Amino acid sequence: MKKTIQAFLDSGQVAIAGASPNKDNFGRTLMIELQKLGKDVFLVNPRYSEIEGKTSLPTVKNLPGDVENLIMAVPPKLTEEIVEQAVGSGIKRVWMVRGIGKGAYSEKAYTTCRENKIEVVYGFCPLMFYGEGMHKFHLWLRKTFGKIPGEYQLSLE
């Protein structure tokens, strides 16, 4: 998972499924934070054609072919549908957001990704790695109290 997280961080492009104009929407928060970092952000949400002045695409299939990273900020059932759209597209990596509660993770979506050679990150909020301040502190807490996958334990020094 460490290699996959690093590939997300190193890339200049990322798609986010689930952003909305709602001020409390986590996908919207991700979009804003990633844009501040200079990332080229693509939005996927069939309910909106535009969010915060940025075009929103109806499906993953509408993303440019060179977009390889997709962050899922949706409920697990939608994660399953969107991962199916990602199969056969340019998406090489999927991050199933974990914040408060279950997050976007779905065992079925995870299996679909693995069967189609799409790398997966789950169990983390992306802002723990992209963000600053409290987000970095949250990562430190998880590291300190052993709440992160073993393969990541040694590399967070």
N, C-alpha and C. Protein backbone atom coordinates (compact mmCIF):
# COMPACT_ATOMS: atom_id res chain seq x y z
N MET A 1 0.82 -1.19 0.00
CA MET A 1 0.00 0.00 0.00
C MET A 1 0.87 1.26 0.00
N LYS A 2 2.03 1.17 0.63
CA LYS A 2 2.94 2.32 0.71
C LYS A 2 3.30 2.83 -0.69
N LYS A 3 3.63 1.93 -1.60
CA LYS A 3 4.01 2.30 -2.96
C LYS A 3 2.83 2.98 -3.68
N THR A 4 1.64 2.50 -3.44
CA THR A 4 0.46 3.06 -4.08
C THR A 4 0.17 4.46 -3.54
N ILE A 5 0.29 4.65 -2.24
CA ILE A 5 0.10 5.98 -1.65
C ILE A 5 1.13 6.95 -2.23
N GLN A 6 2.37 6.50 -2.35
CA GLN A 6 3.40 7.36 -2.90
C GLN A 6 3.11 7.73 -4.35
N ALA A 7 2.56 6.80 -5.12
CA ALA A 7 2.20 7.10 -6.51
C ALA A 7 1.12 8.18 -6.57
N PHE A 8 0.15 8.14 -5.64
CA PHE A 8 -0.86 9.20 -5.56
C PHE A 8 -0.18 10.54 -5.28
N LEU A 9 0.70 10.56 -4.27
CA LEU A 9 1.34 11.80 -3.85
C LEU A 9 2.22 12.38 -4.95
N ASP A 10 2.87 11.52 -5.72
CA ASP A 10 3.80 11.97 -6.76
C ASP A 10 3.09 12.46 -8.02
N SER A 11 1.87 12.04 -8.23
CA SER A 11 1.16 12.38 -9.46
C SER A 11 0.64 13.82 -9.43
N GLY A 12 0.63 14.44 -10.58
CA GLY A 12 0.10 15.79 -10.69
C GLY A 12 -1.40 15.81 -10.95
N GLN A 13 -1.98 14.63 -11.21
CA GLN A 13 -3.41 14.54 -11.52
C GLN A 13 -4.12 13.57 -10.59
N VAL A 14 -5.35 13.91 -10.26
CA VAL A 14 -6.18 13.00 -9.47
C VAL A 14 -7.64 13.29 -9.76
N ALA A 15 -8.43 12.22 -9.85
CA ALA A 15 -9.88 12.36 -9.99
C ALA A 15 -10.51 12.09 -8.63
N ILE A 16 -11.61 12.78 -8.36
CA ILE A 16 -12.35 12.59 -7.11
C ILE A 16 -13.79 12.26 -7.47
N ALA A 17 -14.27 11.12 -7.02
CA ALA A 17 -15.68 10.75 -7.19
C ALA A 17 -16.41 11.10 -5.91
N GLY A 18 -17.44 11.92 -6.04
CA GLY A 18 -18.27 12.24 -4.89
C GLY A 18 -18.23 13.67 -4.40
N ALA A 19 -17.47 14.53 -5.05
CA ALA A 19 -17.50 15.95 -4.64
C ALA A 19 -18.86 16.54 -4.98
N SER A 20 -19.31 17.46 -4.17
CA SER A 20 -20.57 18.18 -4.43
C SER A 20 -20.40 19.63 -3.98
N PRO A 21 -21.35 20.49 -4.34
CA PRO A 21 -21.25 21.90 -3.92
C PRO A 21 -21.50 22.11 -2.42
N ASN A 22 -22.00 21.10 -1.72
CA ASN A 22 -22.29 21.20 -0.30
C ASN A 22 -21.01 21.55 0.46
N LYS A 23 -21.05 22.59 1.25
CA LYS A 23 -19.87 23.06 1.99
C LYS A 23 -19.31 22.01 2.94
N ASP A 24 -20.13 21.07 3.41
CA ASP A 24 -19.69 20.03 4.33
C ASP A 24 -19.24 18.75 3.61
N ASN A 25 -19.25 18.76 2.29
CA ASN A 25 -18.92 17.56 1.51
C ASN A 25 -17.42 17.31 1.54
N PHE A 26 -17.02 16.09 1.91
CA PHE A 26 -15.61 15.77 2.01
C PHE A 26 -14.91 15.78 0.65
N GLY A 27 -15.59 15.32 -0.38
CA GLY A 27 -15.01 15.36 -1.73
C GLY A 27 -14.67 16.79 -2.15
N ARG A 28 -15.54 17.72 -1.80
CA ARG A 28 -15.28 19.14 -2.09
C ARG A 28 -14.05 19.62 -1.32
N THR A 29 -13.96 19.24 -0.05
CA THR A 29 -12.81 19.61 0.77
C THR A 29 -11.52 19.07 0.15
N LEU A 30 -11.55 17.81 -0.27
CA LEU A 30 -10.39 17.21 -0.94
C LEU A 30 -10.01 18.00 -2.18
N MET A 31 -11.00 18.32 -2.99
CA MET A 31 -10.75 19.08 -4.22
C MET A 31 -10.01 20.38 -3.91
N ILE A 32 -10.51 21.12 -2.94
CA ILE A 32 -9.91 22.41 -2.59
C ILE A 32 -8.48 22.22 -2.08
N GLU A 33 -8.28 21.26 -1.19
CA GLU A 33 -6.95 21.03 -0.63
C GLU A 33 -5.95 20.56 -1.69
N LEU A 34 -6.38 19.68 -2.58
CA LEU A 34 -5.47 19.18 -3.62
C LEU A 34 -5.15 20.27 -4.64
N GLN A 35 -6.11 21.13 -4.92
CA GLN A 35 -5.84 22.25 -5.83
C GLN A 35 -4.82 23.20 -5.21
N LYS A 36 -4.89 23.42 -3.89
CA LYS A 36 -3.90 24.27 -3.21
C LYS A 36 -2.49 23.71 -3.36
N LEU A 37 -2.39 22.38 -3.47
CA LEU A 37 -1.09 21.73 -3.64
C LEU A 37 -0.64 21.71 -5.10
N GLY A 38 -1.45 22.31 -5.98
CA GLY A 38 -1.09 22.37 -7.39
C GLY A 38 -1.49 21.14 -8.19
N LYS A 39 -2.32 20.28 -7.62
CA LYS A 39 -2.78 19.09 -8.34
C LYS A 39 -3.84 19.48 -9.36
N ASP A 40 -3.83 18.80 -10.48
CA ASP A 40 -4.86 18.94 -11.50
C ASP A 40 -5.98 17.98 -11.11
N VAL A 41 -7.09 18.51 -10.62
CA VAL A 41 -8.18 17.71 -10.07
C VAL A 41 -9.32 17.58 -11.08
N PHE A 42 -9.79 16.35 -11.24
CA PHE A 42 -10.93 16.06 -12.10
C PHE A 42 -12.05 15.54 -11.20
N LEU A 43 -13.26 16.00 -11.45
CA LEU A 43 -14.40 15.61 -10.61
C LEU A 43 -15.32 14.67 -11.36
N VAL A 44 -15.85 13.70 -10.63
CA VAL A 44 -16.82 12.76 -11.18
C VAL A 44 -18.03 12.75 -10.27
N ASN A 45 -19.15 13.25 -10.77
CA ASN A 45 -20.42 13.21 -10.06
C ASN A 45 -21.52 13.52 -11.07
N PRO A 46 -22.36 12.52 -11.40
CA PRO A 46 -23.39 12.71 -12.42
C PRO A 46 -24.49 13.71 -12.03
N ARG A 47 -24.57 14.08 -10.76
CA ARG A 47 -25.60 15.01 -10.30
C ARG A 47 -25.29 16.47 -10.62
N TYR A 48 -24.01 16.77 -10.88
CA TYR A 48 -23.61 18.16 -11.08
C TYR A 48 -22.75 18.27 -12.34
N SER A 49 -22.93 19.35 -13.08
CA SER A 49 -22.07 19.58 -14.25
C SER A 49 -20.88 20.46 -13.85
N GLU A 50 -21.01 21.14 -12.70
CA GLU A 50 -19.95 22.03 -12.24
C GLU A 50 -19.99 22.13 -10.71
N ILE A 51 -18.80 22.15 -10.11
CA ILE A 51 -18.68 22.32 -8.66
C ILE A 51 -17.56 23.32 -8.43
N GLU A 52 -17.89 24.43 -7.75
CA GLU A 52 -16.89 25.47 -7.47
C GLU A 52 -16.16 25.93 -8.74
N GLY A 53 -16.92 26.03 -9.85
CA GLY A 53 -16.34 26.49 -11.11
C GLY A 53 -15.56 25.44 -11.87
N LYS A 54 -15.53 24.23 -11.36
CA LYS A 54 -14.79 23.13 -11.99
C LYS A 54 -15.79 22.14 -12.60
N THR A 55 -15.54 21.72 -13.83
CA THR A 55 -16.42 20.78 -14.52
C THR A 55 -16.48 19.47 -13.77
N SER A 56 -17.68 18.91 -13.65
CA SER A 56 -17.86 17.59 -13.07
C SER A 56 -18.35 16.65 -14.16
N LEU A 57 -17.70 15.53 -14.29
CA LEU A 57 -18.02 14.56 -15.33
C LEU A 57 -19.03 13.53 -14.82
N PRO A 58 -19.86 12.99 -15.71
CA PRO A 58 -20.88 12.04 -15.26
C PRO A 58 -20.35 10.66 -14.85
N THR A 59 -19.26 10.20 -15.47
CA THR A 59 -18.71 8.89 -15.13
C THR A 59 -17.19 8.90 -15.24
N VAL A 60 -16.57 7.89 -14.68
CA VAL A 60 -15.12 7.72 -14.78
C VAL A 60 -14.72 7.54 -16.24
N LYS A 61 -15.60 6.94 -17.03
CA LYS A 61 -15.31 6.71 -18.45
C LYS A 61 -15.08 8.02 -19.20
N ASN A 62 -15.56 9.16 -18.67
CA ASN A 62 -15.39 10.47 -19.30
C ASN A 62 -14.08 11.15 -18.94
N LEU A 63 -13.31 10.56 -18.03
CA LEU A 63 -12.02 11.15 -17.66
C LEU A 63 -11.02 11.05 -18.80
N PRO A 64 -10.10 12.01 -18.90
CA PRO A 64 -9.03 11.87 -19.88
C PRO A 64 -8.26 10.57 -19.62
N GLY A 65 -7.78 9.95 -20.68
CA GLY A 65 -7.13 8.65 -20.56
C GLY A 65 -5.87 8.63 -19.74
N ASP A 66 -5.26 9.81 -19.54
CA ASP A 66 -4.01 9.84 -18.77
C ASP A 66 -4.21 10.05 -17.27
N VAL A 67 -5.46 10.13 -16.81
CA VAL A 67 -5.74 10.24 -15.38
C VAL A 67 -5.71 8.83 -14.80
N GLU A 68 -4.76 8.58 -13.90
CA GLU A 68 -4.51 7.24 -13.37
C GLU A 68 -4.98 7.05 -11.93
N ASN A 69 -5.29 8.13 -11.23
CA ASN A 69 -5.61 8.08 -9.80
C ASN A 69 -7.04 8.53 -9.53
N LEU A 70 -7.75 7.74 -8.75
CA LEU A 70 -9.15 8.04 -8.45
C LEU A 70 -9.38 7.91 -6.95
N ILE A 71 -9.82 8.99 -6.32
CA ILE A 71 -10.18 8.96 -4.90
C ILE A 71 -11.69 8.83 -4.80
N MET A 72 -12.12 7.84 -4.01
CA MET A 72 -13.54 7.58 -3.81
C MET A 72 -14.01 8.24 -2.52
N ALA A 73 -14.84 9.26 -2.62
CA ALA A 73 -15.41 9.94 -1.46
C ALA A 73 -16.92 9.74 -1.51
N VAL A 74 -17.31 8.48 -1.58
CA VAL A 74 -18.71 8.08 -1.74
C VAL A 74 -19.01 6.91 -0.81
N PRO A 75 -20.29 6.58 -0.59
CA PRO A 75 -20.62 5.40 0.20
C PRO A 75 -20.18 4.11 -0.52
N PRO A 76 -19.99 3.03 0.24
CA PRO A 76 -19.48 1.78 -0.34
C PRO A 76 -20.26 1.27 -1.55
N LYS A 77 -21.56 1.37 -1.55
CA LYS A 77 -22.36 0.88 -2.69
C LYS A 77 -21.99 1.65 -3.96
N LEU A 78 -21.81 2.96 -3.85
CA LEU A 78 -21.39 3.75 -5.01
C LEU A 78 -19.95 3.44 -5.41
N THR A 79 -19.11 3.13 -4.42
CA THR A 79 -17.74 2.74 -4.73
C THR A 79 -17.76 1.54 -5.68
N GLU A 80 -18.63 0.58 -5.41
CA GLU A 80 -18.73 -0.61 -6.26
C GLU A 80 -19.08 -0.23 -7.70
N GLU A 81 -20.07 0.64 -7.86
CA GLU A 81 -20.49 1.06 -9.21
C GLU A 81 -19.36 1.82 -9.93
N ILE A 82 -18.71 2.69 -9.22
CA ILE A 82 -17.68 3.53 -9.84
C ILE A 82 -16.44 2.71 -10.19
N VAL A 83 -16.09 1.75 -9.34
CA VAL A 83 -14.96 0.88 -9.65
C VAL A 83 -15.24 0.09 -10.92
N GLU A 84 -16.47 -0.35 -11.10
CA GLU A 84 -16.84 -1.05 -12.35
C GLU A 84 -16.60 -0.14 -13.56
N GLN A 85 -16.91 1.15 -13.42
CA GLN A 85 -16.64 2.12 -14.50
C GLN A 85 -15.14 2.25 -14.76
N ALA A 86 -14.35 2.12 -13.71
CA ALA A 86 -12.89 2.30 -13.83
C ALA A 86 -12.21 1.15 -14.56
N VAL A 87 -12.83 -0.02 -14.51
CA VAL A 87 -12.25 -1.18 -15.20
C VAL A 87 -12.19 -0.89 -16.70
N GLY A 88 -11.00 -1.04 -17.26
CA GLY A 88 -10.82 -0.78 -18.68
C GLY A 88 -10.56 0.68 -19.03
N SER A 89 -10.56 1.55 -18.01
CA SER A 89 -10.25 2.97 -18.24
C SER A 89 -8.76 3.16 -17.97
N GLY A 90 -8.31 4.40 -17.90
CA GLY A 90 -6.92 4.69 -17.59
C GLY A 90 -6.59 4.62 -16.11
N ILE A 91 -7.58 4.37 -15.26
CA ILE A 91 -7.37 4.35 -13.81
C ILE A 91 -6.50 3.16 -13.42
N LYS A 92 -5.40 3.46 -12.72
CA LYS A 92 -4.48 2.42 -12.24
C LYS A 92 -4.51 2.27 -10.73
N ARG A 93 -5.02 3.32 -10.04
CA ARG A 93 -5.04 3.31 -8.59
C ARG A 93 -6.35 3.91 -8.08
N VAL A 94 -6.91 3.29 -7.04
CA VAL A 94 -8.13 3.76 -6.39
C VAL A 94 -7.86 3.91 -4.91
N TRP A 95 -8.27 5.06 -4.35
CA TRP A 95 -8.15 5.30 -2.91
C TRP A 95 -9.57 5.35 -2.35
N MET A 96 -9.92 4.35 -1.53
CA MET A 96 -11.23 4.31 -0.89
C MET A 96 -11.09 5.04 0.45
N VAL A 97 -11.57 6.27 0.49
CA VAL A 97 -11.41 7.16 1.64
C VAL A 97 -11.96 6.54 2.90
N ARG A 98 -11.22 6.72 3.98
CA ARG A 98 -11.68 6.33 5.30
C ARG A 98 -11.53 7.53 6.19
N GLY A 99 -12.63 8.05 6.62
CA GLY A 99 -12.62 9.16 7.57
C GLY A 99 -13.35 8.69 8.81
N ILE A 100 -14.44 9.32 9.10
CA ILE A 100 -15.30 8.91 10.21
C ILE A 100 -16.25 7.84 9.68
N GLY A 101 -16.42 6.79 10.43
CA GLY A 101 -17.31 5.72 10.00
C GLY A 101 -16.61 4.76 9.05
N LYS A 102 -17.41 4.02 8.29
CA LYS A 102 -16.89 2.98 7.40
C LYS A 102 -16.13 3.55 6.21
N GLY A 103 -16.51 4.72 5.76
CA GLY A 103 -15.85 5.31 4.61
C GLY A 103 -16.34 4.71 3.31
N ALA A 104 -15.50 4.75 2.28
CA ALA A 104 -15.88 4.30 0.94
C ALA A 104 -15.55 2.84 0.68
N TYR A 105 -14.88 2.18 1.62
CA TYR A 105 -14.41 0.82 1.40
C TYR A 105 -15.56 -0.17 1.18
N SER A 106 -15.36 -1.03 0.18
CA SER A 106 -16.28 -2.14 -0.10
C SER A 106 -15.42 -3.34 -0.47
N GLU A 107 -15.66 -4.46 0.16
CA GLU A 107 -14.92 -5.68 -0.15
C GLU A 107 -15.11 -6.06 -1.62
N LYS A 108 -16.33 -5.91 -2.12
CA LYS A 108 -16.61 -6.22 -3.53
C LYS A 108 -15.80 -5.31 -4.46
N ALA A 109 -15.76 -4.02 -4.16
CA ALA A 109 -14.99 -3.09 -4.99
C ALA A 109 -13.50 -3.41 -4.90
N TYR A 110 -13.03 -3.74 -3.70
CA TYR A 110 -11.63 -4.11 -3.51
C TYR A 110 -11.28 -5.32 -4.38
N THR A 111 -12.13 -6.33 -4.35
CA THR A 111 -11.91 -7.54 -5.15
C THR A 111 -11.92 -7.22 -6.64
N THR A 112 -12.85 -6.39 -7.08
CA THR A 112 -12.91 -6.00 -8.49
C THR A 112 -11.62 -5.30 -8.90
N CYS A 113 -11.12 -4.42 -8.05
CA CYS A 113 -9.85 -3.73 -8.35
C CYS A 113 -8.73 -4.75 -8.48
N ARG A 114 -8.58 -5.61 -7.49
CA ARG A 114 -7.49 -6.59 -7.50
C ARG A 114 -7.56 -7.49 -8.73
N GLU A 115 -8.76 -7.93 -9.09
CA GLU A 115 -8.94 -8.81 -10.25
C GLU A 115 -8.57 -8.12 -11.55
N ASN A 116 -8.63 -6.78 -11.55
CA ASN A 116 -8.36 -6.00 -12.76
C ASN A 116 -7.06 -5.21 -12.67
N LYS A 117 -6.21 -5.61 -11.74
CA LYS A 117 -4.87 -5.02 -11.58
C LYS A 117 -4.90 -3.51 -11.32
N ILE A 118 -5.92 -3.08 -10.58
CA ILE A 118 -6.01 -1.70 -10.12
C ILE A 118 -5.53 -1.70 -8.67
N GLU A 119 -4.52 -0.91 -8.35
CA GLU A 119 -3.99 -0.84 -6.99
C GLU A 119 -4.98 -0.11 -6.09
N VAL A 120 -5.00 -0.49 -4.82
CA VAL A 120 -5.99 0.06 -3.89
C VAL A 120 -5.33 0.57 -2.61
N VAL A 121 -5.81 1.73 -2.15
CA VAL A 121 -5.49 2.26 -0.83
C VAL A 121 -6.82 2.33 -0.09
N TYR A 122 -6.83 1.88 1.17
CA TYR A 122 -8.02 2.00 2.00
C TYR A 122 -7.59 2.10 3.45
N GLY A 123 -8.51 2.55 4.29
CA GLY A 123 -8.20 2.63 5.70
C GLY A 123 -7.58 3.95 6.13
N PHE A 124 -7.41 4.87 5.20
CA PHE A 124 -6.79 6.17 5.49
C PHE A 124 -7.60 7.30 4.85
N CYS A 125 -7.52 8.45 5.47
CA CYS A 125 -7.98 9.69 4.85
C CYS A 125 -6.81 10.23 4.02
N PRO A 126 -7.02 10.56 2.76
CA PRO A 126 -5.92 11.08 1.94
C PRO A 126 -5.26 12.32 2.53
N LEU A 127 -6.00 13.12 3.27
CA LEU A 127 -5.44 14.35 3.81
C LEU A 127 -4.40 14.08 4.90
N MET A 128 -4.37 12.85 5.43
CA MET A 128 -3.31 12.50 6.38
C MET A 128 -1.95 12.53 5.68
N PHE A 129 -1.95 12.34 4.37
CA PHE A 129 -0.71 12.31 3.59
C PHE A 129 -0.53 13.59 2.78
N TYR A 130 -1.61 14.10 2.21
CA TYR A 130 -1.54 15.33 1.42
C TYR A 130 -1.58 16.57 2.30
N GLY A 131 -2.26 16.48 3.44
CA GLY A 131 -2.57 17.66 4.23
C GLY A 131 -1.48 18.09 5.19
N GLU A 132 -1.81 19.06 5.99
CA GLU A 132 -0.91 19.65 6.99
C GLU A 132 -1.64 19.69 8.33
N GLY A 133 -0.97 20.21 9.32
CA GLY A 133 -1.59 20.48 10.62
C GLY A 133 -2.23 19.26 11.26
N MET A 134 -3.51 19.36 11.55
CA MET A 134 -4.25 18.31 12.23
C MET A 134 -4.24 17.00 11.44
N HIS A 135 -4.22 17.10 10.13
CA HIS A 135 -4.20 15.88 9.31
C HIS A 135 -2.91 15.10 9.53
N LYS A 136 -1.78 15.79 9.54
CA LYS A 136 -0.50 15.14 9.81
C LYS A 136 -0.46 14.61 11.25
N PHE A 137 -1.05 15.36 12.16
CA PHE A 137 -1.11 14.93 13.56
C PHE A 137 -1.91 13.64 13.67
N HIS A 138 -3.01 13.53 12.91
CA HIS A 138 -3.83 12.33 12.91
C HIS A 138 -3.00 11.12 12.43
N LEU A 139 -2.19 11.30 11.40
CA LEU A 139 -1.31 10.23 10.93
C LEU A 139 -0.32 9.85 12.03
N TRP A 140 0.26 10.84 12.70
CA TRP A 140 1.19 10.57 13.79
C TRP A 140 0.51 9.76 14.90
N LEU A 141 -0.72 10.12 15.25
CA LEU A 141 -1.46 9.38 16.27
C LEU A 141 -1.65 7.93 15.87
N ARG A 142 -2.06 7.72 14.63
CA ARG A 142 -2.28 6.35 14.16
C ARG A 142 -0.99 5.56 14.17
N LYS A 143 0.10 6.21 13.78
CA LYS A 143 1.40 5.53 13.79
C LYS A 143 1.80 5.19 15.22
N THR A 144 1.69 6.15 16.10
CA THR A 144 2.11 5.98 17.49
C THR A 144 1.33 4.88 18.20
N PHE A 145 0.05 4.78 17.92
CA PHE A 145 -0.78 3.81 18.62
C PHE A 145 -1.05 2.55 17.80
N GLY A 146 -0.27 2.36 16.73
CA GLY A 146 -0.33 1.11 15.98
C GLY A 146 -1.59 0.88 15.19
N LYS A 147 -2.20 1.94 14.72
CA LYS A 147 -3.46 1.81 13.99
C LYS A 147 -3.28 1.95 12.48
N ILE A 148 -2.10 1.61 11.99
CA ILE A 148 -1.88 1.65 10.55
C ILE A 148 -1.29 0.31 10.12
N PRO A 149 -1.47 -0.06 8.84
CA PRO A 149 -0.96 -1.34 8.37
C PRO A 149 0.54 -1.50 8.64
N GLY A 150 0.96 -2.72 8.96
CA GLY A 150 2.33 -3.01 9.31
C GLY A 150 3.35 -2.55 8.29
N GLU A 151 3.05 -2.69 6.99
CA GLU A 151 4.04 -2.31 5.98
C GLU A 151 4.32 -0.82 6.01
N TYR A 152 3.40 -0.04 6.58
CA TYR A 152 3.62 1.40 6.62
C TYR A 152 4.36 1.83 7.88
N GLN A 153 4.36 1.00 8.90
CA GLN A 153 4.95 1.37 10.19
C GLN A 153 6.37 1.90 10.08
N LEU A 154 7.23 1.24 9.33
CA LEU A 154 8.65 1.60 9.30
C LEU A 154 8.93 2.80 8.43
N SER A 155 8.05 3.14 7.53
CA SER A 155 8.37 4.17 6.54
C SER A 155 7.89 5.57 6.92
N LEU A 156 7.27 5.72 8.05
CA LEU A 156 6.71 7.02 8.40
C LEU A 156 7.63 7.82 9.31
N GLU A 157 8.84 7.39 9.47
CA GLU A 157 9.78 8.09 10.35
C GLU A 157 10.02 9.50 9.86
